[in-house]
């Protein structure tokens, strides 16, 4: 559990250290030593303290140290629409409420709303997120300020965007994003067609060519509900999955969001093609889209991560709550309490999420050589006592508010529940003003 060298900038210690490595190692009274942005050693706290006496200390007496959570699908700026249009079907929600208010968005609104969502993510244990939305440069600007690790894509569809206008200009905007963030340590650019029902075959293929050129992820809403399935059959003579297959677009760069309506044959196809899946159970439940066949996906060998979707359809970005929902939803759906065990669900929020984002060599577990994306929970609380099984507690008992410290890429972004990179009071005040503006213009 060591890497060569005897210097460390930061030493994080607590009562329990859960590495989420292949052996599911637990170290009592453990610690993680960090040099710059990288984990250099994990082990017994007292031993590492003696070895790295000059390191800054982040000690939590009753703390549980674990990898930061990875949100594989969200629309961060939709925090400004939280509660705006609830209890509706997906297509009615989109076409009658969301698309109209989005047509009036500005870069500043997206920036301010993204800051709100990032503050919520950090305070609830998320250290990485994959976002697809409008005004992606402003999403990235907010992400840079927060210090979060991000995969960010500009949504494209057949109709004009309030950001770039006509589709042709959208291609240029995406290329500008790649140029702006090439080599950035935390910001990764993705290519993000909205869905098969909003993107022509030509647009889908053109965007896949851009993704291939940049070796980037291709993130798309796919097979989310029955109405999408029927529309795809009518327009293309195939399901959404088979439509992409017929276009030659399915491969290991594709991150398919939702995947609620899949046949066994389609699951096998996605597995053969190496497609990754982002599972968003709470959004799917709220919009009554259905229940994604995640146990069958996992059995087929698909990499499946967890996502919250946006706060307009969830209505939060608490990944601890998402884990809880994912585990219980599939148990009651299959009437099988053994399906989706806690260990599996915790993997979906950590190591599997990293695989979905093609980042498993850097994040998802606490091992020497990986990036220092780490959260610490305060376990000295009634609802977390006693502690017999760490994964069970993380999935069934813990909540985002239990996170006390968050470290991303070696930097402390939250200490003792206080954000260090963002001004939470200012963000909340600005959002109150923005909410009145949205309500007036809605």
Protein backbone atom coordinates (compact mmCIF):
# COMPACT_ATOMS: atom_id res chain seq x y z
CA UNK A 1 0.00 0.00 0.00
CA UNK A 2 3.00 2.26 -0.52
CA UNK A 3 4.66 4.22 -3.28
CA UNK A 4 8.30 5.26 -3.30
CA UNK A 5 9.26 8.56 -1.71
CA UNK A 6 9.16 10.03 1.78
CA UNK A 7 7.41 13.38 1.29
CA UNK A 8 3.71 14.12 1.64
CA UNK A 9 1.69 17.34 1.53
CA UNK A 10 -1.43 16.06 3.24
CA UNK A 11 -2.24 13.20 5.62
CA UNK A 12 -5.91 12.22 6.03
CA UNK A 13 -6.61 9.99 9.03
CA UNK A 14 -9.67 8.48 10.67
CA UNK A 15 -11.06 5.49 12.54
CA UNK A 16 -11.76 3.55 9.36
CA UNK A 17 -10.16 3.58 5.92
CA UNK A 18 -12.15 1.86 3.17
CA UNK A 19 -9.95 1.55 0.09
CA UNK A 20 -12.54 0.12 -2.33
CA UNK A 21 -9.67 -1.80 -3.92
CA UNK A 22 -10.06 -5.28 -5.40
CA UNK A 23 -9.75 -6.88 -1.94
CA UNK A 24 -12.18 -4.41 -0.32
CA UNK A 25 -9.49 -3.61 2.22
CA UNK A 26 -10.48 -1.97 5.51
CA UNK A 27 -7.79 -0.38 7.68
CA UNK A 28 -8.73 0.51 11.25
CA UNK A 29 -7.20 3.76 12.46
CA UNK A 30 -6.02 4.27 8.89
CA UNK A 31 -4.64 7.13 6.88
CA UNK A 32 -3.92 8.28 3.32
CA UNK A 33 -0.75 10.17 2.43
CA UNK A 34 -0.98 12.57 -0.51
CA UNK A 35 1.72 14.34 -2.49
CA UNK A 36 0.37 17.12 -4.70
CA UNK A 37 -2.59 15.49 -6.52
CA UNK A 38 -1.69 11.84 -5.98
CA UNK A 39 -2.08 9.19 -3.28
CA UNK A 40 1.38 7.93 -2.35
CA UNK A 41 0.57 5.58 0.55
CA UNK A 42 -2.26 4.13 2.60
CA UNK A 43 -1.93 2.35 5.92
CA UNK A 44 -2.00 2.64 9.71
CA UNK A 45 -2.44 6.25 10.79
CA UNK A 46 0.26 6.29 13.48
CA UNK A 47 2.81 4.76 11.13
CA UNK A 48 2.12 7.22 8.34
CA UNK A 49 2.13 10.14 10.79
CA UNK A 50 5.63 9.15 11.89
CA UNK A 51 6.75 8.67 8.31
CA UNK A 52 5.40 12.02 7.07
CA UNK A 53 5.83 14.43 10.00
CA UNK A 54 5.74 17.54 7.80
CA UNK A 55 2.41 16.79 6.15
CA UNK A 56 -0.67 18.88 6.83
CA UNK A 57 -3.11 16.85 8.95
CA UNK A 58 -6.79 16.29 8.28
CA UNK A 59 -7.75 14.08 11.21
CA UNK A 60 -11.26 12.93 12.14
CA UNK A 61 -11.50 10.85 15.30
CA UNK A 62 -14.63 8.97 14.23
CA UNK A 63 -14.07 9.41 10.53
CA UNK A 64 -14.59 6.93 7.70
CA UNK A 65 -12.25 7.66 4.80
CA UNK A 66 -13.39 6.43 1.38
CA UNK A 67 -13.21 7.30 -2.33
CA UNK A 68 -15.25 10.26 -3.50
CA UNK A 69 -18.49 9.38 -5.28
CA UNK A 70 -18.79 9.63 -9.07
CA UNK A 71 -21.99 11.01 -10.60
CA UNK A 72 -22.03 9.63 -14.15
CA UNK A 73 -25.00 11.63 -15.45
CA UNK A 74 -26.32 15.01 -14.49
CA UNK A 75 -27.38 18.41 -15.77
CA UNK A 76 -25.90 20.57 -13.03
CA UNK A 77 -27.42 23.89 -14.10
CA UNK A 78 -30.94 22.47 -13.88
CA UNK A 79 -30.69 23.15 -10.15
CA UNK A 80 -32.29 26.49 -11.04
CA UNK A 81 -35.43 24.57 -12.15
CA UNK A 82 -35.71 22.46 -8.99
CA UNK A 83 -39.42 21.98 -8.27
CA UNK A 84 -40.49 24.06 -11.27
CA UNK A 85 -42.38 21.29 -13.08
CA UNK A 86 -42.97 18.19 -10.99
CA UNK A 87 -45.30 15.19 -11.27
CA UNK A 88 -45.34 15.06 -15.08
CA UNK A 89 -44.46 12.49 -17.70
CA UNK A 90 -41.03 12.77 -19.35
CA UNK A 91 -42.18 14.07 -22.74
CA UNK A 92 -44.71 16.52 -21.27
CA UNK A 93 -42.09 17.67 -18.76
CA UNK A 94 -39.55 18.23 -21.54
CA UNK A 95 -41.64 19.75 -24.30
CA UNK A 96 -44.13 21.82 -22.31
CA UNK A 97 -41.91 23.05 -19.48
CA UNK A 98 -38.17 22.38 -19.71
CA UNK A 99 -37.46 23.17 -23.37
CA UNK A 100 -39.45 26.46 -23.18
CA UNK A 101 -37.65 27.75 -20.07
CA UNK A 102 -34.29 26.55 -21.42
CA UNK A 103 -34.84 28.67 -24.54
CA UNK A 104 -34.46 31.72 -22.28
CA UNK A 105 -31.27 30.60 -20.58
CA UNK A 106 -28.11 32.69 -20.60
CA UNK A 107 -24.51 31.80 -19.86
CA UNK A 108 -24.70 33.66 -16.56
CA UNK A 109 -27.80 31.76 -15.42
CA UNK A 110 -26.12 28.47 -16.25
CA UNK A 111 -22.96 29.53 -14.43
CA UNK A 112 -24.81 30.58 -11.27
CA UNK A 113 -27.04 27.50 -11.25
CA UNK A 114 -24.07 25.19 -11.82
CA UNK A 115 -22.29 26.72 -8.82
CA UNK A 116 -25.33 25.85 -6.71
CA UNK A 117 -25.32 22.26 -7.90
CA UNK A 118 -21.58 21.89 -7.39
CA UNK A 119 -21.88 23.18 -3.84
CA UNK A 120 -24.56 20.57 -3.24
CA UNK A 121 -22.44 17.84 -4.82
CA UNK A 122 -19.35 18.62 -2.76
CA UNK A 123 -21.38 18.80 0.45
CA UNK A 124 -22.90 15.38 -0.28
CA UNK A 125 -19.72 13.50 -1.17
CA UNK A 126 -19.47 13.71 -4.95
CA UNK A 127 -16.00 14.47 -6.28
CA UNK A 128 -16.52 13.75 -10.01
CA UNK A 129 -19.48 14.37 -12.29
CA UNK A 130 -20.39 13.90 -15.94
CA UNK A 131 -22.53 16.77 -17.21
CA UNK A 132 -24.36 17.40 -20.45
CA UNK A 133 -26.15 20.71 -20.84
CA UNK A 134 -26.25 24.09 -22.56
CA UNK A 135 -23.59 26.83 -22.26
CA UNK A 136 -20.95 24.21 -21.46
CA UNK A 137 -18.17 26.80 -21.26
CA UNK A 138 -20.00 28.36 -18.34
CA UNK A 139 -20.52 24.95 -16.73
CA UNK A 140 -16.78 24.40 -17.05
CA UNK A 141 -16.05 27.85 -15.60
CA UNK A 142 -18.06 26.97 -12.51
CA UNK A 143 -16.42 23.55 -12.26
CA UNK A 144 -12.97 25.12 -12.39
CA UNK A 145 -13.84 27.44 -9.52
CA UNK A 146 -15.18 24.58 -7.42
CA UNK A 147 -12.16 22.34 -7.95
CA UNK A 148 -14.33 19.38 -8.92
CA UNK A 149 -13.33 16.73 -11.45
CA UNK A 150 -15.70 16.98 -14.40
CA UNK A 151 -16.67 15.54 -17.75
CA UNK A 152 -18.58 18.27 -19.58
CA UNK A 153 -20.43 18.26 -22.88
CA UNK A 154 -22.53 20.77 -24.81
CA UNK A 155 -25.92 19.28 -25.69
CA UNK A 156 -26.73 19.36 -29.39
CA UNK A 157 -30.07 18.68 -31.03
CA UNK A 158 -31.78 19.44 -34.34
CA UNK A 159 -33.42 22.69 -33.22
CA UNK A 160 -31.52 25.93 -32.51
CA UNK A 161 -29.79 26.33 -29.16
CA UNK A 162 -30.10 29.43 -26.94
CA UNK A 163 -26.31 29.20 -26.69
CA UNK A 164 -24.81 28.71 -30.14
CA UNK A 165 -27.87 29.05 -32.42
CA UNK A 166 -28.03 26.73 -35.42
CA UNK A 167 -26.54 23.23 -35.34
CA UNK A 168 -23.63 24.12 -37.64
CA UNK A 169 -22.39 26.60 -35.05
CA UNK A 170 -22.72 23.89 -32.40
CA UNK A 171 -19.98 21.84 -34.05
CA UNK A 172 -17.64 24.82 -33.82
CA UNK A 173 -18.59 25.38 -30.18
CA UNK A 174 -17.69 21.78 -29.34
CA UNK A 175 -14.34 22.13 -31.09
CA UNK A 176 -13.67 25.29 -29.10
CA UNK A 177 -14.36 23.38 -25.88
CA UNK A 178 -11.78 20.76 -26.80
CA UNK A 179 -9.24 23.45 -27.60
CA UNK A 180 -9.89 25.36 -24.38
CA UNK A 181 -9.51 22.39 -22.03
CA UNK A 182 -6.93 20.26 -23.79
CA UNK A 183 -4.67 18.78 -21.12
CA UNK A 184 -6.64 20.26 -18.23
CA UNK A 185 -6.07 18.28 -15.01
CA UNK A 186 -9.74 18.26 -13.98
CA UNK A 187 -11.96 19.22 -16.94
CA UNK A 188 -12.62 16.58 -19.61
CA UNK A 189 -14.73 17.44 -22.65
CA UNK A 190 -17.33 15.01 -23.96
CA UNK A 191 -19.55 14.98 -27.05
CA UNK A 192 -23.23 15.07 -26.09
CA UNK A 193 -26.06 14.50 -28.58
CA UNK A 194 -29.29 14.87 -26.64
CA UNK A 195 -31.20 11.76 -27.75
CA UNK A 196 -32.32 9.83 -30.82
CA UNK A 197 -35.68 11.66 -30.77
CA UNK A 198 -34.06 15.11 -30.91
CA UNK A 199 -31.09 14.33 -33.18
CA UNK A 200 -31.13 13.38 -36.85
CA UNK A 201 -29.02 10.45 -38.01
CA UNK A 202 -26.67 12.95 -39.66
CA UNK A 203 -26.19 14.85 -36.41
CA UNK A 204 -25.61 11.65 -34.45
CA UNK A 205 -22.96 10.48 -36.93
CA UNK A 206 -21.24 13.85 -37.20
CA UNK A 207 -20.92 14.10 -33.44
CA UNK A 208 -19.57 10.56 -33.20
CA UNK A 209 -16.86 11.52 -35.70
CA UNK A 210 -15.90 14.43 -33.44
CA UNK A 211 -15.80 12.14 -30.40
CA UNK A 212 -13.62 9.64 -32.24
CA UNK A 213 -11.27 12.38 -33.42
CA UNK A 214 -10.70 13.57 -29.86
CA UNK A 215 -10.86 10.13 -28.21
CA UNK A 216 -13.71 11.51 -26.12
CA UNK A 217 -16.81 10.06 -24.50
CA UNK A 218 -20.06 10.18 -26.48
CA UNK A 219 -22.84 10.71 -23.93
CA UNK A 220 -26.47 10.31 -25.00
CA UNK A 221 -29.89 9.75 -23.40
CA UNK A 222 -30.94 6.32 -24.62
CA UNK A 223 -34.04 4.12 -24.31
CA UNK A 224 -35.37 6.18 -21.43
CA UNK A 225 -39.10 5.43 -21.68
CA UNK A 226 -41.84 3.75 -23.67
CA UNK A 227 -42.73 6.86 -25.65
CA UNK A 228 -39.16 7.16 -26.89
CA UNK A 229 -39.27 3.52 -27.96
CA UNK A 230 -42.49 3.97 -29.93
CA UNK A 231 -41.24 7.14 -31.60
CA UNK A 232 -38.00 5.49 -32.65
CA UNK A 233 -39.84 2.56 -34.17
CA UNK A 234 -42.11 4.90 -36.11
CA UNK A 235 -39.32 7.16 -37.41
CA UNK A 236 -36.46 4.72 -37.84
CA UNK A 237 -38.03 1.27 -37.85
CA UNK A 238 -35.85 0.28 -34.93
CA UNK A 239 -35.50 0.74 -31.18
CA UNK A 240 -33.16 3.52 -30.00
CA UNK A 241 -30.38 1.02 -29.30
CA UNK A 242 -30.77 -0.70 -32.67
CA UNK A 243 -30.99 2.68 -34.41
CA UNK A 244 -27.54 3.58 -33.05
CA UNK A 245 -26.28 0.12 -33.94
CA UNK A 246 -27.59 0.47 -37.51
CA UNK A 247 -25.74 3.79 -37.75
CA UNK A 248 -22.53 2.11 -36.60
CA UNK A 249 -22.23 4.28 -33.49
CA UNK A 250 -22.10 1.80 -30.61
CA UNK A 251 -18.64 1.29 -29.15
CA UNK A 252 -16.60 1.72 -25.98
CA UNK A 253 -16.74 5.53 -26.10
CA UNK A 254 -20.54 5.60 -25.74
CA UNK A 255 -22.04 6.43 -22.35
CA UNK A 256 -25.73 5.55 -22.60
CA UNK A 257 -27.81 7.41 -20.03
CA UNK A 258 -30.85 5.70 -18.48
CA UNK A 259 -31.26 2.54 -20.63
CA UNK A 260 -34.62 1.73 -19.08
CA UNK A 261 -36.15 -0.05 -22.07
CA UNK A 262 -33.73 -2.80 -23.12
CA UNK A 263 -34.28 -6.32 -24.36
CA UNK A 264 -31.93 -9.14 -23.41
CA UNK A 265 -30.58 -9.07 -26.97
CA UNK A 266 -29.85 -5.35 -26.67
CA UNK A 267 -28.11 -5.84 -23.34
CA UNK A 268 -25.89 -8.48 -24.93
CA UNK A 269 -25.20 -6.15 -27.87
CA UNK A 270 -24.24 -3.24 -25.62
CA UNK A 271 -21.90 -5.54 -23.70
CA UNK A 272 -20.25 -6.75 -26.91
CA UNK A 273 -19.77 -3.20 -28.11
CA UNK A 274 -18.30 -2.08 -24.78
CA UNK A 275 -20.97 0.58 -24.23
CA UNK A 276 -21.12 2.04 -20.71
CA UNK A 277 -24.36 2.85 -18.88
CA UNK A 278 -25.38 5.59 -16.43
CA UNK A 279 -28.26 4.41 -14.23
CA UNK A 280 -30.49 7.17 -12.78
CA UNK A 281 -33.09 5.39 -10.63
CA UNK A 282 -34.61 8.36 -8.80
CA UNK A 283 -35.22 10.39 -11.96
CA UNK A 284 -36.63 7.32 -13.71
CA UNK A 285 -38.98 6.70 -10.78
CA UNK A 286 -40.12 10.29 -10.53
CA UNK A 287 -40.87 10.58 -14.25
CA UNK A 288 -42.38 7.07 -14.22
CA UNK A 289 -40.07 6.10 -17.06
CA UNK A 290 -39.65 2.58 -15.74
CA UNK A 291 -36.99 0.46 -14.07
CA UNK A 292 -33.75 -0.16 -15.92
CA UNK A 293 -32.74 -3.86 -15.99
CA UNK A 294 -29.49 -3.17 -14.14
CA UNK A 295 -29.07 -6.62 -12.57
CA UNK A 296 -29.22 -8.14 -16.06
CA UNK A 297 -26.80 -5.52 -17.39
CA UNK A 298 -24.29 -6.29 -14.66
CA UNK A 299 -24.69 -10.03 -15.20
CA UNK A 300 -23.91 -9.46 -18.89
CA UNK A 301 -20.67 -7.68 -17.97
CA UNK A 302 -21.73 -4.11 -18.71
CA UNK A 303 -20.07 -1.30 -16.76
CA UNK A 304 -22.90 0.55 -15.02
CA UNK A 305 -22.45 3.71 -12.97
CA UNK A 306 -24.93 5.78 -10.99
CA UNK A 307 -26.19 9.23 -11.90
CA UNK A 308 -28.62 11.63 -10.31
CA UNK A 309 -29.78 13.29 -13.54
CA UNK A 310 -30.67 16.96 -13.08
CA UNK A 311 -32.32 18.52 -10.06
CA UNK A 312 -35.42 19.29 -12.11
CA UNK A 313 -36.22 15.58 -12.26
CA UNK A 314 -34.79 14.16 -9.04
CA UNK A 315 -34.76 16.79 -7.15
CA UNK A 316 -31.28 16.60 -5.64
CA UNK A 317 -27.78 15.43 -6.49
CA UNK A 318 -27.10 13.42 -3.32
CA UNK A 319 -25.36 10.25 -4.51
CA UNK A 320 -25.82 8.57 -1.12
CA UNK A 321 -29.56 8.86 -1.63
CA UNK A 322 -29.16 7.55 -5.17
CA UNK A 323 -27.32 4.48 -3.90
CA UNK A 324 -30.07 3.83 -1.37
CA UNK A 325 -32.75 4.09 -4.05
CA UNK A 326 -30.86 1.91 -6.52
CA UNK A 327 -30.42 -0.93 -4.06
CA UNK A 328 -34.03 -0.98 -2.86
CA UNK A 329 -35.71 -0.35 -6.21
CA UNK A 330 -34.31 -3.47 -7.83
CA UNK A 331 -34.98 -5.64 -4.78
CA UNK A 332 -38.68 -4.80 -4.73
CA UNK A 333 -38.94 -4.93 -8.51
CA UNK A 334 -37.57 -8.48 -8.63
CA UNK A 335 -38.95 -9.47 -5.21
CA UNK A 336 -35.44 -10.60 -4.37
CA UNK A 337 -33.65 -9.11 -1.35
CA UNK A 338 -30.33 -10.56 -2.52
CA UNK A 339 -30.17 -8.63 -5.78
CA UNK A 340 -28.08 -5.44 -5.96
CA UNK A 341 -26.22 -5.99 -2.67
CA UNK A 342 -24.62 -3.02 -0.97
CA UNK A 343 -21.14 -3.87 -2.24
CA UNK A 344 -22.37 -3.84 -5.83
CA UNK A 345 -24.17 -0.52 -5.46
CA UNK A 346 -21.19 1.12 -3.76
CA UNK A 347 -19.02 -0.08 -6.64
CA UNK A 348 -21.44 1.56 -9.08
CA UNK A 349 -20.90 4.88 -7.31
CA UNK A 350 -17.11 4.49 -7.24
CA UNK A 351 -15.11 1.94 -9.26
CA UNK A 352 -17.83 1.21 -11.82
CA UNK A 353 -18.48 4.91 -12.24
CA UNK A 354 -14.80 5.39 -12.95
CA UNK A 355 -14.96 2.69 -15.63
CA UNK A 356 -17.98 4.37 -17.22
CA UNK A 357 -15.91 7.55 -17.58
CA UNK A 358 -12.81 5.64 -18.77
CA UNK A 359 -11.00 6.89 -15.66
CA UNK A 360 -10.52 3.68 -13.68
CA UNK A 361 -6.74 4.12 -13.69
CA UNK A 362 -7.09 7.47 -11.90
CA UNK A 363 -10.13 7.47 -9.62
CA UNK A 364 -12.69 5.18 -7.95
CA UNK A 365 -10.48 3.62 -5.26
CA UNK A 366 -7.82 4.77 -2.80
CA UNK A 367 -4.58 3.24 -4.06
CA UNK A 368 -1.06 4.61 -4.50
CA UNK A 369 -0.69 6.27 -7.88
CA UNK A 370 -4.32 7.26 -8.16
CA UNK A 371 -5.63 10.79 -7.86
CA UNK A 372 -6.49 11.95 -4.36
CA UNK A 373 -10.29 12.19 -4.60
CA UNK A 374 -11.34 11.40 -1.05
CA UNK A 375 -14.26 12.00 1.29
CA UNK A 376 -14.52 11.57 5.07
CA UNK A 377 -17.78 10.80 6.88
CA UNK A 378 -18.45 11.40 10.57
CA UNK A 379 -19.57 8.02 11.88
CA UNK A 380 -20.17 9.20 15.47
CA UNK A 381 -23.91 9.63 14.91
CA UNK A 382 -26.98 7.70 16.09
CA UNK A 383 -28.03 6.62 12.60
CA UNK A 384 -24.54 5.28 11.85
CA UNK A 385 -24.04 3.38 15.11
CA UNK A 386 -23.15 0.54 15.52
CA UNK A 387 -21.02 -0.23 12.46
CA UNK A 388 -20.80 -3.85 11.33
CA UNK A 389 -20.48 -3.60 7.55
CA UNK A 390 -19.18 -0.48 5.83
CA UNK A 391 -20.81 -0.93 2.39
CA UNK A 392 -24.19 -1.58 4.03
CA UNK A 393 -23.90 1.60 6.06
CA UNK A 394 -22.87 3.66 3.03
CA UNK A 395 -25.82 2.43 0.97
CA UNK A 396 -28.60 2.01 3.54
CA UNK A 397 -27.83 4.43 6.39
CA UNK A 398 -25.48 7.23 5.34
CA UNK A 399 -26.56 10.45 3.66
CA UNK A 400 -24.70 13.25 1.99
CA UNK A 401 -24.91 15.44 5.07
CA UNK A 402 -22.68 12.94 6.90
CA UNK A 403 -19.68 13.98 4.77
CA UNK A 404 -17.45 16.35 6.75
CA UNK A 405 -14.37 16.68 4.54
CA UNK A 406 -13.82 16.43 0.80
CA UNK A 407 -10.50 16.35 -1.05
CA UNK A 408 -10.32 16.50 -4.85
CA UNK A 409 -7.07 16.11 -6.77
CA UNK A 410 -5.21 16.58 -3.50
CA UNK A 411 -6.91 19.88 -2.58
CA UNK A 412 -9.29 20.29 0.35
CA UNK A 413 -12.54 21.62 -1.12
CA UNK A 414 -14.58 21.12 2.07
CA UNK A 415 -13.33 21.09 5.65
CA UNK A 416 -15.69 20.49 8.57
CA UNK A 417 -18.71 21.01 6.29
CA UNK A 418 -17.41 24.41 5.14
CA UNK A 419 -16.71 24.83 1.43
CA UNK A 420 -13.24 26.23 0.79
CA UNK A 421 -13.44 26.95 -2.95
CA UNK A 422 -16.98 28.33 -3.19
CA UNK A 423 -18.85 31.08 -1.33
CA UNK A 424 -21.96 29.17 -0.28
CA UNK A 425 -23.79 32.18 1.17
CA UNK A 426 -23.28 34.21 -2.00
CA UNK A 427 -24.39 31.30 -4.19
CA UNK A 428 -27.62 30.89 -2.22
CA UNK A 429 -28.33 34.61 -2.26
CA UNK A 430 -27.75 34.84 -6.01
CA UNK A 431 -30.03 31.89 -6.64
CA UNK A 432 -32.89 33.51 -4.75
CA UNK A 433 -32.64 36.48 -7.10
CA UNK A 434 -32.32 34.20 -10.12
CA UNK A 435 -35.39 32.20 -9.06
CA UNK A 436 -37.51 35.33 -9.17
CA UNK A 437 -36.19 36.07 -12.65
CA UNK A 438 -37.01 32.54 -13.86
CA UNK A 439 -40.46 32.69 -12.30
CA UNK A 440 -41.14 36.06 -13.97
CA UNK A 441 -39.96 34.91 -17.39
CA UNK A 442 -41.35 31.39 -17.21
